[in-house]
N, C-alpha and C. Protein backbone atom coordinates (compact mmCIF):
# COMPACT_ATOMS: atom_id res chain seq x y z
N MET A 1 1.06 -1.18 0.18
CA MET A 1 0.04 -0.13 0.08
C MET A 1 1.15 1.24 -0.03
N THR A 2 0.67 1.79 -0.53
CA THR A 2 1.11 3.55 -0.45
C THR A 2 0.43 4.41 0.81
N GLU A 3 1.33 5.27 1.02
CA GLU A 3 1.04 6.33 2.62
C GLU A 3 0.16 7.13 1.64
N PRO A 4 -1.06 7.69 2.50
CA PRO A 4 -0.96 8.89 1.78
C PRO A 4 -0.37 10.27 1.68
N VAL A 5 -0.93 11.01 1.24
CA VAL A 5 0.15 12.30 0.81
C VAL A 5 -0.29 13.63 1.42
N GLU A 6 0.38 13.84 2.47
CA GLU A 6 0.26 15.14 3.23
C GLU A 6 -0.14 16.26 2.13
N PHE A 7 -1.27 16.88 1.85
CA PHE A 7 -1.52 18.22 1.67
C PHE A 7 -1.61 19.36 2.55
N SER A 8 -0.89 20.70 2.33
CA SER A 8 -0.97 21.89 2.61
C SER A 8 -1.57 22.50 2.00
N PRO A 9 -2.78 23.65 1.84
CA PRO A 9 -3.58 24.71 1.15
C PRO A 9 -2.29 26.09 1.31
N SER A 10 -2.29 26.55 1.84
CA SER A 10 -1.67 27.18 2.90
C SER A 10 -0.18 27.01 2.57
N CYS A 11 0.00 28.96 1.84
CA CYS A 11 1.39 29.22 1.71
C CYS A 11 1.71 29.63 2.57
N PRO A 12 3.42 29.27 2.99
CA PRO A 12 4.37 28.93 4.01
C PRO A 12 4.82 30.30 4.37
N ILE A 13 5.51 30.92 3.02
CA ILE A 13 5.70 32.30 3.08
C ILE A 13 4.97 33.51 2.12
N PRO A 14 4.20 34.27 3.01
CA PRO A 14 3.26 34.58 2.40
C PRO A 14 3.96 35.91 1.99
N GLN A 15 3.61 36.56 0.75
CA GLN A 15 4.37 37.42 -0.05
C GLN A 15 3.54 38.95 0.37
N SER A 16 3.74 39.35 0.73
CA SER A 16 3.29 41.14 1.45
C SER A 16 3.34 42.68 0.11
N ASN A 17 4.12 42.33 -0.74
CA ASN A 17 4.16 43.80 -1.42
C ASN A 17 3.47 43.11 -2.86
N TYR A 18 2.54 43.08 -3.40
CA TYR A 18 2.02 43.01 -4.98
C TYR A 18 2.03 44.45 -5.61
N PRO A 19 2.79 44.13 -6.96
CA PRO A 19 2.55 45.25 -7.70
C PRO A 19 1.57 45.62 -8.10
N GLN A 20 0.13 44.70 -8.24
CA GLN A 20 -1.03 44.96 -8.60
C GLN A 20 -2.30 44.33 -7.16
N ILE A 21 -3.15 45.17 -7.93
CA ILE A 21 -4.24 44.43 -6.66
C ILE A 21 -4.68 43.22 -6.81
N LEU A 22 -5.24 42.17 -5.95
CA LEU A 22 -5.46 40.99 -6.08
C LEU A 22 -6.46 40.36 -5.61
N LEU A 23 -7.49 39.39 -5.72
CA LEU A 23 -8.73 39.25 -5.64
C LEU A 23 -8.46 39.10 -3.84
N ALA A 24 -7.12 38.55 -3.09
CA ALA A 24 -6.71 38.37 -1.27
C ALA A 24 -6.91 39.83 -1.07
N HIS A 25 -6.68 41.16 -1.39
CA HIS A 25 -6.92 42.45 -0.64
C HIS A 25 -8.77 42.41 -0.83
N GLY A 26 -9.35 41.92 -1.00
CA GLY A 26 -10.64 42.03 -0.66
C GLY A 26 -11.19 41.63 0.32
N GLY A 27 -10.37 40.66 1.07
CA GLY A 27 -10.97 39.87 2.28
C GLY A 27 -10.99 40.43 3.73
N GLY A 28 -10.34 42.04 3.85
CA GLY A 28 -10.65 42.62 4.92
C GLY A 28 -9.57 42.09 5.98
N GLY A 29 -8.65 41.69 5.22
CA GLY A 29 -7.38 41.40 6.65
C GLY A 29 -6.13 42.12 6.40
N ARG A 30 -5.09 41.15 6.09
CA ARG A 30 -3.82 42.27 6.46
C ARG A 30 -3.63 42.94 4.94
N LEU A 31 -3.60 42.24 4.00
CA LEU A 31 -3.95 42.96 3.06
C LEU A 31 -4.62 44.17 2.46
N MET A 32 -5.55 44.17 2.33
CA MET A 32 -6.92 44.77 2.51
C MET A 32 -6.33 46.04 3.51
N HIS A 33 -5.57 46.31 4.35
CA HIS A 33 -5.17 47.25 5.37
C HIS A 33 -3.97 47.85 4.32
N GLN A 34 -2.86 46.98 4.11
CA GLN A 34 -2.30 47.10 3.84
C GLN A 34 -2.65 48.42 2.70
N LEU A 35 -3.35 47.95 1.39
CA LEU A 35 -3.79 48.66 0.67
C LEU A 35 -3.83 50.33 0.54
N ILE A 36 -5.18 50.22 2.01
CA ILE A 36 -5.27 51.36 2.30
C ILE A 36 -4.52 52.24 3.06
N GLU A 37 -3.74 51.91 3.35
CA GLU A 37 -2.47 52.67 4.01
C GLU A 37 -1.50 53.12 2.76
N GLN A 38 -1.44 52.41 2.10
CA GLN A 38 0.35 52.62 1.26
C GLN A 38 -0.40 53.67 -0.08
N THR A 39 -1.66 52.91 -0.48
CA THR A 39 -2.12 53.24 -1.42
C THR A 39 -3.18 54.47 -1.47
N ILE A 40 -4.81 54.03 -0.77
CA ILE A 40 -5.35 54.80 -1.38
C ILE A 40 -5.58 56.40 0.13
N VAL A 41 -5.05 55.95 1.29
CA VAL A 41 -5.06 57.35 2.91
C VAL A 41 -3.88 58.34 1.73
N PRO A 42 -2.78 57.98 1.07
CA PRO A 42 -1.61 58.92 0.51
C PRO A 42 -2.23 59.53 -1.13
N ALA A 43 -3.18 59.50 -1.29
CA ALA A 43 -3.77 59.77 -2.30
C ALA A 43 -4.46 60.73 -1.60
N PHE A 44 -5.01 60.76 -0.31
CA PHE A 44 -6.52 61.01 -0.49
C PHE A 44 -5.96 62.34 1.11
N ARG A 45 -4.87 62.45 0.80
CA ARG A 45 -4.16 63.34 1.91
C ARG A 45 -4.16 64.65 1.77
N ASN A 46 -4.16 65.89 2.10
CA ASN A 46 -4.63 67.15 1.81
C ASN A 46 -2.81 67.71 1.75
N PRO A 47 -3.10 68.46 0.70
CA PRO A 47 -0.90 68.59 -0.18
C PRO A 47 -0.89 70.15 1.40
């Protein structure tokens, strides 16, 4: 008999600096927070 293959659907080292907006940014988690802080907030700051 063969042994069952272990499967891990998570990414062991998630990347946090993406050059484009991804579907993951819409989850409301860390990537969404980072997108807002690095892209949207600076665009709406008063000069």
